[in-house]
PDB file of N, CA and C in Angstrom:
ATOM      1  N   MET A   1      17.394 -11.437   1.608  1.00  0.00           N
ATOM      2  CA  MET A   1      16.171 -12.159   1.930  1.00  0.00           C
ATOM      3  C   MET A   1      15.450 -11.520   3.122  1.00  0.00           C
ATOM      4  N   LYS A   2      16.230 -11.045   4.106  1.00  0.00           N
ATOM      5  CA  LYS A   2      15.625 -10.425   5.276  1.00  0.00           C
ATOM      6  C   LYS A   2      14.810  -9.197   4.877  1.00  0.00           C
ATOM      7  N   LYS A   3      15.344  -8.402   3.933  1.00  0.00           N
ATOM      8  CA  LYS A   3      14.651  -7.191   3.520  1.00  0.00           C
ATOM      9  C   LYS A   3      13.311  -7.530   2.859  1.00  0.00           C
ATOM     10  N   ILE A   4      13.273  -8.608   2.092  1.00  0.00           N
ATOM     11  CA  ILE A   4      12.023  -9.029   1.439  1.00  0.00           C
ATOM     12  C   ILE A   4      10.999  -9.451   2.493  1.00  0.00           C
ATOM     13  N   LEU A   5      11.432 -10.219   3.485  1.00  0.00           N
ATOM     14  CA  LEU A   5      10.512 -10.640   4.543  1.00  0.00           C
ATOM     15  C   LEU A   5       9.986  -9.448   5.335  1.00  0.00           C
ATOM     16  N   VAL A   6      10.855  -8.479   5.605  1.00  0.00           N
ATOM     17  CA  VAL A   6      10.435  -7.262   6.296  1.00  0.00           C
ATOM     18  C   VAL A   6       9.419  -6.513   5.432  1.00  0.00           C
ATOM     19  N   GLY A   7       9.680  -6.437   4.125  1.00  0.00           N
ATOM     20  CA  GLY A   7       8.743  -5.775   3.211  1.00  0.00           C
ATOM     21  C   GLY A   7       7.389  -6.460   3.189  1.00  0.00           C
ATOM     22  N   LEU A   8       7.399  -7.780   3.139  1.00  0.00           N
ATOM     23  CA  LEU A   8       6.134  -8.522   3.144  1.00  0.00           C
ATOM     24  C   LEU A   8       5.399  -8.343   4.476  1.00  0.00           C
ATOM     25  N   LEU A   9       6.144  -8.355   5.563  1.00  0.00           N
ATOM     26  CA  LEU A   9       5.528  -8.179   6.881  1.00  0.00           C
ATOM     27  C   LEU A   9       4.868  -6.813   7.015  1.00  0.00           C
ATOM     28  N   PHE A  10       5.611  -5.743   6.679  1.00  0.00           N
ATOM     29  CA  PHE A  10       5.032  -4.408   6.812  1.00  0.00           C
ATOM     30  C   PHE A  10       3.975  -4.139   5.740  1.00  0.00           C
ATOM     31  N   GLY A  11       4.096  -4.776   4.584  1.00  0.00           N
ATOM     32  CA  GLY A  11       3.040  -4.678   3.586  1.00  0.00           C
ATOM     33  C   GLY A  11       1.750  -5.319   4.075  1.00  0.00           C
ATOM     34  N   ALA A  12       1.880  -6.497   4.697  1.00  0.00           N
ATOM     35  CA  ALA A  12       0.699  -7.170   5.252  1.00  0.00           C
ATOM     36  C   ALA A  12       0.089  -6.355   6.387  1.00  0.00           C
ATOM     37  N   LEU A  13       0.947  -5.761   7.221  1.00  0.00           N
ATOM     38  CA  LEU A  13       0.449  -4.920   8.307  1.00  0.00           C
ATOM     39  C   LEU A  13      -0.306  -3.706   7.750  1.00  0.00           C
ATOM     40  N   ALA A  14       0.247  -3.080   6.724  1.00  0.00           N
ATOM     41  CA  ALA A  14      -0.444  -1.952   6.084  1.00  0.00           C
ATOM     42  C   ALA A  14      -1.761  -2.419   5.470  1.00  0.00           C
ATOM     43  N   GLY A  15      -1.767  -3.627   4.908  1.00  0.00           N
ATOM     44  CA  GLY A  15      -2.997  -4.180   4.339  1.00  0.00           C
ATOM     45  C   GLY A  15      -4.079  -4.357   5.389  1.00  0.00           C
ATOM     46  N   VAL A  16      -3.706  -4.847   6.542  1.00  0.00           N
ATOM     47  CA  VAL A  16      -4.674  -5.020   7.639  1.00  0.00           C
ATOM     48  C   VAL A  16      -5.210  -3.658   8.079  1.00  0.00           C
ATOM     49  N   ILE A  17      -4.307  -2.684   8.224  1.00  0.00           N
ATOM     50  CA  ILE A  17      -4.730  -1.338   8.635  1.00  0.00           C
ATOM     51  C   ILE A  17      -5.686  -0.743   7.616  1.00  0.00           C
ATOM     52  N   ASP A  18      -5.431  -0.992   6.337  1.00  0.00           N
ATOM     53  CA  ASP A  18      -6.284  -0.446   5.282  1.00  0.00           C
ATOM     54  C   ASP A  18      -7.635  -1.161   5.212  1.00  0.00           C
ATOM     55  N   VAL A  19      -7.643  -2.448   5.484  1.00  0.00           N
ATOM     56  CA  VAL A  19      -8.863  -3.249   5.310  1.00  0.00           C
ATOM     57  C   VAL A  19      -9.823  -3.123   6.499  1.00  0.00           C
ATOM     58  N   VAL A  20      -9.324  -2.834   7.684  1.00  0.00           N
ATOM     59  CA  VAL A  20     -10.198  -2.747   8.869  1.00  0.00           C
ATOM     60  C   VAL A  20     -11.360  -1.772   8.650  1.00  0.00           C
ATOM     61  N   PRO A  21     -11.110  -0.527   8.185  1.00  0.00           N
ATOM     62  CA  PRO A  21     -12.262   0.359   7.946  1.00  0.00           C
ATOM     63  C   PRO A  21     -13.174  -0.143   6.825  1.00  0.00           C
ATOM     64  N   MET A  22     -12.587  -0.855   5.870  1.00  0.00           N
ATOM     65  CA  MET A  22     -13.398  -1.381   4.767  1.00  0.00           C
ATOM     66  C   MET A  22     -14.350  -2.462   5.265  1.00  0.00           C
ATOM     67  N   VAL A  23     -13.871  -3.299   6.173  1.00  0.00           N
ATOM     68  CA  VAL A  23     -14.722  -4.344   6.749  1.00  0.00           C
ATOM     69  C   VAL A  23     -15.837  -3.704   7.573  1.00  0.00           C
ATOM     70  N   MET A  24     -15.490  -2.654   8.319  1.00  0.00           N
ATOM     71  CA  MET A  24     -16.503  -1.969   9.131  1.00  0.00           C
ATOM     72  C   MET A  24     -17.580  -1.321   8.253  1.00  0.00           C
ATOM     73  N   GLN A  25     -17.215  -0.933   7.033  1.00  0.00           N
ATOM     74  CA  GLN A  25     -18.188  -0.363   6.095  1.00  0.00           C
ATOM     75  C   GLN A  25     -18.956  -1.441   5.339  1.00  0.00           C
ATOM     76  N   LYS A  26     -18.610  -2.703   5.614  1.00  0.00           N
ATOM     77  CA  LYS A  26     -19.248  -3.851   4.972  1.00  0.00           C
ATOM     78  C   LYS A  26     -19.064  -3.835   3.451  1.00  0.00           C
ATOM     79  N   LEU A  27     -17.860  -3.488   3.005  1.00  0.00           N
ATOM     80  CA  LEU A  27     -17.550  -3.538   1.581  1.00  0.00           C
ATOM     81  C   LEU A  27     -17.398  -4.992   1.152  1.00  0.00           C
ATOM     82  N   PRO A  28     -17.566  -5.265  -0.143  1.00  0.00           N
ATOM     83  CA  PRO A  28     -17.477  -6.657  -0.612  1.00  0.00           C
ATOM     84  C   PRO A  28     -16.094  -7.263  -0.344  1.00  0.00           C
ATOM     85  N   TRP A  29     -16.058  -8.577  -0.196  1.00  0.00           N
ATOM     86  CA  TRP A  29     -14.814  -9.276   0.130  1.00  0.00           C
ATOM     87  C   TRP A  29     -13.761  -9.069  -0.938  1.00  0.00           C
ATOM     88  N   ASP A  30     -14.182  -8.946  -2.214  1.00  0.00           N
ATOM     89  CA  ASP A  30     -13.190  -8.784  -3.277  1.00  0.00           C
ATOM     90  C   ASP A  30     -12.481  -7.429  -3.176  1.00  0.00           C
ATOM     91  N   ALA A  31     -13.176  -6.404  -2.721  1.00  0.00           N
ATOM     92  CA  ALA A  31     -12.538  -5.101  -2.514  1.00  0.00           C
ATOM     93  C   ALA A  31     -11.540  -5.188  -1.362  1.00  0.00           C
ATOM     94  N   ASN A  32     -11.913  -5.888  -0.295  1.00  0.00           N
ATOM     95  CA  ASN A  32     -11.013  -6.061   0.846  1.00  0.00           C
ATOM     96  C   ASN A  32      -9.771  -6.857   0.454  1.00  0.00           C
ATOM     97  N   LEU A  33      -9.983  -7.937  -0.272  1.00  0.00           N
ATOM     98  CA  LEU A  33      -8.868  -8.772  -0.714  1.00  0.00           C
ATOM     99  C   LEU A  33      -7.952  -8.009  -1.674  1.00  0.00           C
ATOM    100  N   SER A  34      -8.552  -7.219  -2.547  1.00  0.00           N
ATOM    101  CA  SER A  34      -7.769  -6.412  -3.485  1.00  0.00           C
ATOM    102  C   SER A  34      -6.889  -5.413  -2.745  1.00  0.00           C
ATOM    103  N   ALA A  35      -7.443  -4.733  -1.751  1.00  0.00           N
ATOM    104  CA  ALA A  35      -6.669  -3.751  -0.987  1.00  0.00           C
ATOM    105  C   ALA A  35      -5.545  -4.430  -0.209  1.00  0.00           C
ATOM    106  N   PHE A  36      -5.856  -5.536   0.450  1.00  0.00           N
ATOM    107  CA  PHE A  36      -4.832  -6.240   1.216  1.00  0.00           C
ATOM    108  C   PHE A  36      -3.700  -6.713   0.306  1.00  0.00           C
ATOM    109  N   THR A  37      -4.063  -7.311  -0.822  1.00  0.00           N
ATOM    110  CA  THR A  37      -3.064  -7.804  -1.765  1.00  0.00           C
ATOM    111  C   THR A  37      -2.196  -6.676  -2.303  1.00  0.00           C
ATOM    112  N   MET A  38      -2.805  -5.534  -2.586  1.00  0.00           N
ATOM    113  CA  MET A  38      -2.033  -4.398  -3.080  1.00  0.00           C
ATOM    114  C   MET A  38      -0.942  -4.017  -2.085  1.00  0.00           C
ATOM    115  N   TRP A  39      -1.269  -3.994  -0.793  1.00  0.00           N
ATOM    116  CA  TRP A  39      -0.280  -3.587   0.199  1.00  0.00           C
ATOM    117  C   TRP A  39       0.816  -4.614   0.384  1.00  0.00           C
ATOM    118  N   VAL A  40       0.507  -5.888   0.249  1.00  0.00           N
ATOM    119  CA  VAL A  40       1.556  -6.913   0.302  1.00  0.00           C
ATOM    120  C   VAL A  40       2.505  -6.727  -0.880  1.00  0.00           C
ATOM    121  N   VAL A  41       1.952  -6.465  -2.064  1.00  0.00           N
ATOM    122  CA  VAL A  41       2.773  -6.212  -3.251  1.00  0.00           C
ATOM    123  C   VAL A  41       3.611  -4.947  -3.061  1.00  0.00           C
ATOM    124  N   VAL A  42       3.023  -3.899  -2.507  1.00  0.00           N
ATOM    125  CA  VAL A  42       3.774  -2.665  -2.238  1.00  0.00           C
ATOM    126  C   VAL A  42       4.942  -2.955  -1.302  1.00  0.00           C
ATOM    127  N   GLY A  43       4.700  -3.702  -0.247  1.00  0.00           N
ATOM    128  CA  GLY A  43       5.774  -4.047   0.676  1.00  0.00           C
ATOM    129  C   GLY A  43       6.893  -4.808  -0.005  1.00  0.00           C
ATOM    130  N   PHE A  44       6.530  -5.758  -0.846  1.00  0.00           N
ATOM    131  CA  PHE A  44       7.534  -6.516  -1.592  1.00  0.00           C
ATOM    132  C   PHE A  44       8.330  -5.598  -2.517  1.00  0.00           C
ATOM    133  N   LEU A  45       7.627  -4.776  -3.281  1.00  0.00           N
ATOM    134  CA  LEU A  45       8.310  -3.901  -4.232  1.00  0.00           C
ATOM    135  C   LEU A  45       9.212  -2.883  -3.540  1.00  0.00           C
ATOM    136  N   VAL A  46       8.759  -2.340  -2.428  1.00  0.00           N
ATOM    137  CA  VAL A  46       9.592  -1.387  -1.693  1.00  0.00           C
ATOM    138  C   VAL A  46      10.884  -2.071  -1.249  1.00  0.00           C
ATOM    139  N   SER A  47      10.807  -3.336  -0.910  1.00  0.00           N
ATOM    140  CA  SER A  47      11.995  -4.040  -0.420  1.00  0.00           C
ATOM    141  C   SER A  47      12.967  -4.426  -1.533  1.00  0.00           C
ATOM    142  N   VAL A  48      12.501  -4.563  -2.768  1.00  0.00           N
ATOM    143  CA  VAL A  48      13.396  -5.019  -3.840  1.00  0.00           C
ATOM    144  C   VAL A  48      13.776  -3.946  -4.848  1.00  0.00           C
ATOM    145  N   VAL A  49      12.986  -2.891  -4.959  1.00  0.00           N
ATOM    146  CA  VAL A  49      13.277  -1.837  -5.934  1.00  0.00           C
ATOM    147  C   VAL A  49      14.406  -0.963  -5.399  1.00  0.00           C
ATOM    148  N   ASP A  50      15.365  -0.652  -6.266  1.00  0.00           N
ATOM    149  CA  ASP A  50      16.544   0.120  -5.854  1.00  0.00           C
ATOM    150  C   ASP A  50      16.480   1.530  -6.442  1.00  0.00           C
ATOM    151  N   LEU A  51      15.509   2.307  -6.007  1.00  0.00           N
ATOM    152  CA  LEU A  51      15.443   3.714  -6.409  1.00  0.00           C
ATOM    153  C   LEU A  51      16.357   4.517  -5.492  1.00  0.00           C
ATOM    154  N   LYS A  52      17.096   5.416  -6.053  1.00  0.00           N
ATOM    155  CA  LYS A  52      18.036   6.221  -5.253  1.00  0.00           C
ATOM    156  C   LYS A  52      17.336   7.459  -4.696  1.00  0.00           C
ATOM    157  N   ILE A  53      16.254   7.215  -3.938  1.00  0.00           N
ATOM    158  CA  ILE A  53      15.522   8.295  -3.290  1.00  0.00           C
ATOM    159  C   ILE A  53      15.259   7.900  -1.846  1.00  0.00           C
ATOM    160  N   ASN A  54      14.791   8.834  -1.062  1.00  0.00           N
ATOM    161  CA  ASN A  54      14.444   8.591   0.332  1.00  0.00           C
ATOM    162  C   ASN A  54      13.457   7.428   0.421  1.00  0.00           C
ATOM    163  N   ASN A  55      13.615   6.573   1.435  1.00  0.00           N
ATOM    164  CA  ASN A  55      12.740   5.398   1.586  1.00  0.00           C
ATOM    165  C   ASN A  55      11.275   5.767   1.736  1.00  0.00           C
ATOM    166  N   ILE A  56      10.991   6.853   2.433  1.00  0.00           N
ATOM    167  CA  ILE A  56       9.601   7.285   2.599  1.00  0.00           C
ATOM    168  C   ILE A  56       9.004   7.663   1.253  1.00  0.00           C
ATOM    169  N   LEU A  57       9.752   8.422   0.468  1.00  0.00           N
ATOM    170  CA  LEU A  57       9.284   8.811  -0.866  1.00  0.00           C
ATOM    171  C   LEU A  57       9.152   7.595  -1.771  1.00  0.00           C
ATOM    172  N   LYS A  58      10.075   6.649  -1.653  1.00  0.00           N
ATOM    173  CA  LYS A  58       9.996   5.421  -2.446  1.00  0.00           C
ATOM    174  C   LYS A  58       8.710   4.655  -2.128  1.00  0.00           C
ATOM    175  N   GLY A  59       8.365   4.570  -0.858  1.00  0.00           N
ATOM    176  CA  GLY A  59       7.129   3.895  -0.478  1.00  0.00           C
ATOM    177  C   GLY A  59       5.900   4.582  -1.040  1.00  0.00           C
ATOM    178  N   ILE A  60       5.893   5.915  -1.009  1.00  0.00           N
ATOM    179  CA  ILE A  60       4.762   6.673  -1.556  1.00  0.00           C
ATOM    180  C   ILE A  60       4.648   6.466  -3.059  1.00  0.00           C
ATOM    181  N   VAL A  61       5.770   6.570  -3.762  1.00  0.00           N
ATOM    182  CA  VAL A  61       5.761   6.416  -5.227  1.00  0.00           C
ATOM    183  C   VAL A  61       5.268   5.027  -5.607  1.00  0.00           C
ATOM    184  N   ILE A  62       5.796   4.005  -4.972  1.00  0.00           N
ATOM    185  CA  ILE A  62       5.392   2.638  -5.310  1.00  0.00           C
ATOM    186  C   ILE A  62       3.930   2.397  -4.944  1.00  0.00           C
ATOM    187  N   ALA A  63       3.478   2.927  -3.825  1.00  0.00           N
ATOM    188  CA  ALA A  63       2.068   2.764  -3.443  1.00  0.00           C
ATOM    189  C   ALA A  63       1.145   3.390  -4.488  1.00  0.00           C
ATOM    190  N   PHE A  64       1.472   4.599  -4.947  1.00  0.00           N
ATOM    191  CA  PHE A  64       0.615   5.246  -5.940  1.00  0.00           C
ATOM    192  C   PHE A  64       0.706   4.566  -7.302  1.00  0.00           C
ATOM    193  N   LEU A  65       1.871   4.030  -7.653  1.00  0.00           N
ATOM    194  CA  LEU A  65       1.979   3.287  -8.912  1.00  0.00           C
ATOM    195  C   LEU A  65       1.139   2.013  -8.877  1.00  0.00           C
ATOM    196  N   CYS A  66       1.140   1.340  -7.739  1.00  0.00           N
ATOM    197  CA  CYS A  66       0.313   0.132  -7.606  1.00  0.00           C
ATOM    198  C   CYS A  66      -1.174   0.474  -7.531  1.00  0.00           C
ATOM    199  N   LEU A  67      -1.487   1.631  -6.991  1.00  0.00           N
ATOM    200  CA  LEU A  67      -2.873   2.050  -6.850  1.00  0.00           C
ATOM    201  C   LEU A  67      -3.483   2.535  -8.172  1.00  0.00           C
ATOM    202  N   ALA A  68      -2.654   2.990  -9.094  1.00  0.00           N
ATOM    203  CA  ALA A  68      -3.146   3.630 -10.323  1.00  0.00           C
ATOM    204  C   ALA A  68      -4.194   2.802 -11.083  1.00  0.00           C
ATOM    205  N   PRO A  69      -3.962   1.515 -11.377  1.00  0.00           N
ATOM    206  CA  PRO A  69      -4.994   0.760 -12.116  1.00  0.00           C
ATOM    207  C   PRO A  69      -6.306   0.636 -11.350  1.00  0.00           C
ATOM    208  N   ILE A  70      -6.213   0.462 -10.039  1.00  0.00           N
ATOM    209  CA  ILE A  70      -7.414   0.359  -9.215  1.00  0.00           C
ATOM    210  C   ILE A  70      -8.143   1.697  -9.180  1.00  0.00           C
ATOM    211  N   ALA A  71      -7.368   2.778  -9.113  1.00  0.00           N
ATOM    212  CA  ALA A  71      -7.960   4.115  -9.038  1.00  0.00           C
ATOM    213  C   ALA A  71      -8.753   4.449 -10.302  1.00  0.00           C
ATOM    214  N   VAL A  72      -8.304   3.976 -11.438  1.00  0.00           N
ATOM    215  CA  VAL A  72      -9.049   4.210 -12.682  1.00  0.00           C
ATOM    216  C   VAL A  72     -10.424   3.558 -12.597  1.00  0.00           C
ATOM    217  N   LEU A  73     -10.467   2.331 -12.111  1.00  0.00           N
ATOM    218  CA  LEU A  73     -11.757   1.637 -11.988  1.00  0.00           C
ATOM    219  C   LEU A  73     -12.661   2.311 -10.960  1.00  0.00           C
ATOM    220  N   ILE A  74     -12.076   2.737  -9.853  1.00  0.00           N
ATOM    221  CA  ILE A  74     -12.869   3.392  -8.808  1.00  0.00           C
ATOM    222  C   ILE A  74     -13.381   4.737  -9.297  1.00  0.00           C
ATOM    223  N   ALA A  75     -12.537   5.489  -9.984  1.00  0.00           N
ATOM    224  CA  ALA A  75     -12.921   6.820 -10.474  1.00  0.00           C
ATOM    225  C   ALA A  75     -14.087   6.751 -11.452  1.00  0.00           C
ATOM    226  N   ALA A  76     -14.188   5.678 -12.193  1.00  0.00           N
ATOM    227  CA  ALA A  76     -15.287   5.538 -13.158  1.00  0.00           C
ATOM    228  C   ALA A  76     -16.628   5.372 -12.444  1.00  0.00           C
ATOM    229  N   GLN A  77     -16.617   4.781 -11.249  1.00  0.00           N
ATOM    230  CA  GLN A  77     -17.864   4.525 -10.531  1.00  0.00           C
ATOM    231  C   GLN A  77     -18.158   5.576  -9.458  1.00  0.00           C
ATOM    232  N   GLU A  78     -17.179   5.834  -8.599  1.00  0.00           N
ATOM    233  CA  GLU A  78     -17.367   6.743  -7.467  1.00  0.00           C
ATOM    234  C   GLU A  78     -16.101   7.573  -7.250  1.00  0.00           C
ATOM    235  N   PRO A  79     -15.935   8.646  -8.020  1.00  0.00           N
ATOM    236  CA  PRO A  79     -14.669   9.400  -7.944  1.00  0.00           C
ATOM    237  C   PRO A  79     -14.376  10.012  -6.577  1.00  0.00           C
ATOM    238  N   MET A  80     -15.376  10.364  -5.802  1.00  0.00           N
ATOM    239  CA  MET A  80     -15.119  10.995  -4.501  1.00  0.00           C
ATOM    240  C   MET A  80     -14.519  10.014  -3.483  1.00  0.00           C
ATOM    241  N   THR A  81     -14.691   8.725  -3.708  1.00  0.00           N
ATOM    242  CA  THR A  81     -14.097   7.760  -2.782  1.00  0.00           C
ATOM    243  C   THR A  81     -12.581   7.682  -2.941  1.00  0.00           C
ATOM    244  N   LEU A  82     -12.045   8.300  -3.987  1.00  0.00           N
ATOM    245  CA  LEU A  82     -10.595   8.294  -4.170  1.00  0.00           C
ATOM    246  C   LEU A  82      -9.877   9.163  -3.132  1.00  0.00           C
ATOM    247  N   VAL A  83     -10.554  10.150  -2.575  1.00  0.00           N
ATOM    248  CA  VAL A  83      -9.906  11.045  -1.610  1.00  0.00           C
ATOM    249  C   VAL A  83      -9.379  10.265  -0.400  1.00  0.00           C
ATOM    250  N   PRO A  84     -10.226   9.496   0.311  1.00  0.00           N
ATOM    251  CA  PRO A  84      -9.674   8.740   1.439  1.00  0.00           C
ATOM    252  C   PRO A  84      -8.697   7.651   1.004  1.00  0.00           C
ATOM    253  N   ILE A  85      -8.892   7.113  -0.180  1.00  0.00           N
ATOM    254  CA  ILE A  85      -7.972   6.085  -0.678  1.00  0.00           C
ATOM    255  C   ILE A  85      -6.594   6.692  -0.907  1.00  0.00           C
ATOM    256  N   PHE A  86      -6.538   7.880  -1.500  1.00  0.00           N
ATOM    257  CA  PHE A  86      -5.248   8.547  -1.723  1.00  0.00           C
ATOM    258  C   PHE A  86      -4.596   8.928  -0.392  1.00  0.00           C
ATOM    259  N   ILE A  87      -5.397   9.350   0.572  1.00  0.00           N
ATOM    260  CA  ILE A  87      -4.842   9.700   1.892  1.00  0.00           C
ATOM    261  C   ILE A  87      -4.232   8.458   2.548  1.00  0.00           C
ATOM    262  N   MET A  88      -4.938   7.342   2.492  1.00  0.00           N
ATOM    263  CA  MET A  88      -4.407   6.099   3.063  1.00  0.00           C
ATOM    264  C   MET A  88      -3.152   5.654   2.308  1.00  0.00           C
ATOM    265  N   ALA A  89      -3.135   5.804   0.992  1.00  0.00           N
ATOM    266  CA  ALA A  89      -1.951   5.421   0.209  1.00  0.00           C
ATOM    267  C   ALA A  89      -0.751   6.280   0.594  1.00  0.00           C
ATOM    268  N   LEU A  90      -0.990   7.546   0.826  1.00  0.00           N
ATOM    269  CA  LEU A  90       0.085   8.450   1.234  1.00  0.00           C
ATOM    270  C   LEU A  90       0.634   8.059   2.612  1.00  0.00           C
ATOM    271  N   ILE A  91      -0.250   7.843   3.557  1.00  0.00           N
ATOM    272  CA  ILE A  91       0.166   7.513   4.926  1.00  0.00           C
ATOM    273  C   ILE A  91       0.802   6.128   4.991  1.00  0.00           C
ATOM    274  N   LEU A  92       0.110   5.135   4.462  1.00  0.00           N
ATOM    275  CA  LEU A  92       0.624   3.768   4.556  1.00  0.00           C
ATOM    276  C   LEU A  92       1.844   3.553   3.670  1.00  0.00           C
ATOM    277  N   GLY A  93       1.867   4.181   2.498  1.00  0.00           N
ATOM    278  CA  GLY A  93       3.036   4.061   1.620  1.00  0.00           C
ATOM    279  C   GLY A  93       4.278   4.633   2.269  1.00  0.00           C
ATOM    280  N   SER A  94       4.133   5.788   2.909  1.00  0.00           N
ATOM    281  CA  SER A  94       5.283   6.374   3.598  1.00  0.00           C
ATOM    282  C   SER A  94       5.705   5.499   4.772  1.00  0.00           C
ATOM    283  N   GLY A  95       4.732   4.928   5.469  1.00  0.00           N
ATOM    284  CA  GLY A  95       5.048   4.044   6.584  1.00  0.00           C
ATOM    285  C   GLY A  95       5.783   2.788   6.153  1.00  0.00           C
ATOM    286  N   VAL A  96       5.298   2.163   5.083  1.00  0.00           N
ATOM    287  CA  VAL A  96       5.969   0.956   4.568  1.00  0.00           C
ATOM    288  C   VAL A  96       7.391   1.303   4.138  1.00  0.00           C
ATOM    289  N   GLY A  97       7.547   2.399   3.418  1.00  0.00           N
ATOM    290  CA  GLY A  97       8.885   2.815   2.992  1.00  0.00           C
ATOM    291  C   GLY A  97       9.813   3.059   4.170  1.00  0.00           C
ATOM    292  N   PHE A  98       9.306   3.758   5.170  1.00  0.00           N
ATOM    293  CA  PHE A  98      10.117   4.069   6.343  1.00  0.00           C
ATOM    294  C   PHE A  98      10.545   2.795   7.076  1.00  0.00           C
ATOM    295  N   PHE A  99       9.586   1.925   7.381  1.00  0.00           N
ATOM    296  CA  PHE A  99       9.887   0.746   8.186  1.00  0.00           C
ATOM    297  C   PHE A  99      10.715  -0.297   7.423  1.00  0.00           C
ATOM    298  N   VAL A 100      10.491  -0.426   6.130  1.00  0.00           N
ATOM    299  CA  VAL A 100      11.343  -1.346   5.350  1.00  0.00           C
ATOM    300  C   VAL A 100      12.769  -0.799   5.311  1.00  0.00           C
ATOM    301  N   GLY A 101      12.916   0.509   5.156  1.00  0.00           N
ATOM    302  CA  GLY A 101      14.247   1.103   5.181  1.00  0.00           C
ATOM    303  C   GLY A 101      14.927   0.965   6.536  1.00  0.00           C
ATOM    304  N   LYS A 102      14.149   1.087   7.592  1.00  0.00           N
ATOM    305  CA  LYS A 102      14.718   1.037   8.948  1.00  0.00           C
ATOM    306  C   LYS A 102      15.067  -0.385   9.385  1.00  0.00           C
ATOM    307  N   PHE A 103      14.181  -1.339   9.128  1.00  0.00           N
ATOM    308  CA  PHE A 103      14.377  -2.690   9.636  1.00  0.00           C
ATOM    309  C   PHE A 103      14.839  -3.689   8.581  1.00  0.00           C
ATOM    310  N   GLY A 104      14.881  -3.295   7.332  1.00  0.00           N
ATOM    311  CA  GLY A 104      15.213  -4.241   6.262  1.00  0.00           C
ATOM    312  C   GLY A 104      16.683  -4.407   5.970  1.00  0.00           C
ATOM    313  N   SER A 105      17.510  -3.561   6.551  1.00  0.00           N
ATOM    314  CA  SER A 105      18.937  -3.679   6.210  1.00  0.00           C
ATOM    315  C   SER A 105      19.716  -4.489   7.213  1.00  0.00           C
TER     316      SER A 105
END
């Protein structure tokens, strides 16, 4: 149970970090809510999925798997906006994986 709470906490923290620039750009609330929710889900999944790989890599893989459906919708409208989104997914996914692995056990 502790690992799940740690995953949710660091997922929410990653969500806040991801949403702050979006709010500053005045993006719609549904985009902000979608991004925040994705990171909470990533944190949860990182804490419960038992992949036999490095925690940092696990966080990256799960972040990109969760991002995939959203990325398809974004790519149809504005494909160049995927570059910063992928960079944030790489950084925050690795961070969530690292911190859940470090503090979740």
